[in-house]
Structures are given as structure tokens and as C-alpha cells.
Protein backbone atom coordinates (compact mmCIF):
# COMPACT_ATOMS: atom_id res chain seq x y z
CA MET A 1 -16.18 -8.61 10.22
CA ASP A 2 -14.28 -7.57 7.06
CA PHE A 3 -11.49 -5.16 6.86
CA GLN A 4 -13.57 -2.22 5.22
CA THR A 5 -16.02 -2.49 7.83
CA ARG A 6 -13.39 -2.40 10.55
CA LYS A 7 -11.79 0.73 9.07
CA LYS A 8 -15.16 2.52 8.83
CA ASN A 9 -15.81 1.43 12.55
CA LEU A 10 -12.42 2.90 13.48
CA ILE A 11 -13.05 6.19 11.62
CA THR A 12 -16.46 6.62 13.38
CA TYR A 13 -14.77 5.81 16.76
CA LEU A 14 -12.07 8.41 16.09
CA ALA A 15 -14.68 11.03 15.06
CA LYS A 16 -16.43 10.66 18.40
CA LEU A 17 -13.27 10.47 20.55
CA GLN A 18 -12.96 13.19 23.25
CA ASP A 19 -9.82 11.89 25.05
CA GLU A 20 -7.03 14.28 23.53
CA ILE A 21 -4.27 12.57 25.44
CA PHE A 22 -5.29 9.17 23.97
CA PHE A 23 -5.59 10.75 20.55
CA ASP A 24 -2.09 12.28 20.87
CA LYS A 25 -0.60 8.90 21.63
CA LEU A 26 -2.50 7.23 18.73
CA GLU A 27 -1.38 10.08 16.30
CA LYS A 28 2.40 9.78 17.37
CA TYR A 29 2.10 6.03 17.05
CA ILE A 30 0.75 6.42 13.42
CA LEU A 31 3.21 8.93 12.37
CA LYS A 32 6.05 6.79 13.83
CA ARG A 33 4.96 3.82 11.95
CA GLU A 34 4.65 6.03 8.64
CA ASN A 35 8.19 7.36 9.05
CA GLU A 36 9.56 3.79 9.69
CA HIS A 37 7.74 2.75 6.57
CA ARG A 38 9.34 5.58 4.50
CA SER A 39 12.74 5.00 5.66
CA GLU A 40 12.43 1.41 4.35
CA LEU A 41 11.82 2.57 0.80
CA LYS A 42 14.84 3.50 -1.31
CA PRO A 43 15.00 4.36 -5.03
CA PHE A 44 16.50 1.96 -7.39
CA THR A 45 19.96 2.55 -8.71
CA ILE A 46 20.46 2.97 -12.32
CA ASN A 47 21.81 -0.45 -12.73
CA GLU A 48 18.77 -2.02 -10.72
CA LEU A 49 16.49 -0.09 -12.83
CA ILE A 50 17.98 -1.42 -16.18
CA ILE A 51 17.83 -5.04 -14.94
CA ARG A 52 14.07 -4.65 -14.13
CA ILE A 53 13.44 -3.07 -17.41
CA GLU A 54 15.33 -5.93 -19.12
CA GLU A 55 13.56 -8.60 -17.21
CA SER A 56 10.05 -6.91 -17.96
CA GLU A 57 10.80 -6.81 -21.60
CA LEU A 58 11.69 -10.48 -21.62
CA ASP A 59 8.59 -11.40 -19.64
CA PHE A 60 6.61 -9.45 -22.16
CA LYS A 61 8.35 -10.94 -25.25
CA ASN A 62 7.66 -14.58 -23.46
CA GLY A 63 3.98 -13.74 -22.88
CA ARG A 64 4.35 -13.48 -19.06
CA PHE A 65 1.94 -10.50 -18.36
CA LYS A 66 -1.71 -9.67 -17.86
CA SER A 67 -3.82 -7.67 -20.02
CA GLN A 68 -5.77 -4.67 -18.65
CA GLU A 69 -8.93 -6.70 -19.14
CA ASP A 70 -7.36 -9.53 -16.91
CA LEU A 71 -6.53 -7.15 -14.19
CA GLU A 72 -10.08 -5.44 -14.19
CA LYS A 73 -11.52 -8.99 -13.93
CA THR A 74 -9.28 -9.76 -10.93
CA SER A 75 -9.87 -6.66 -9.26
CA SER A 76 -13.73 -6.74 -9.57
CA ASN A 77 -13.37 -9.76 -7.06
CA TRP A 78 -11.61 -7.94 -4.34
């Protein structure tokens, strides 16, 4: 079973769920995971941002990039 199908099945299961205690536990788990993920993210410092820009410009100058067309071809196979 592919991932999309599994997600759709889970949505269907949740829509039919009548057990509020189980739903509360699941909701708390999801919110906790979401908060943990957010706390892992941090903004770049100005110096980090400048370094990334310089690296990106160098990659572009040396032809190390993908065109919009390349990305569309790749994504059509997902």
C-alpha cells in the first residue's frame, strides 16, 4: 500500500472515530511532535545567509543547477 493511500485511510478512520479519549491522546501526540519539529528550526544568521548565497551563485556560475523544466520532469515521476 502506498503512502498516499495510507494517509487517506487514516483520514477516513479519524472521520469515523467516536472514542474522544483516544482522539485527545492522538491530538496531543501530534501537537507535541509538531512543536518539537518547530523548535528544531532556527533562522540563519546573516553570515550563514551570505555564505549560502555565495555558494549558490558559484553553483549557478558553474552550471550546477536544475532548470524549471528539469524539476517538472522529476516531479512528474513522484
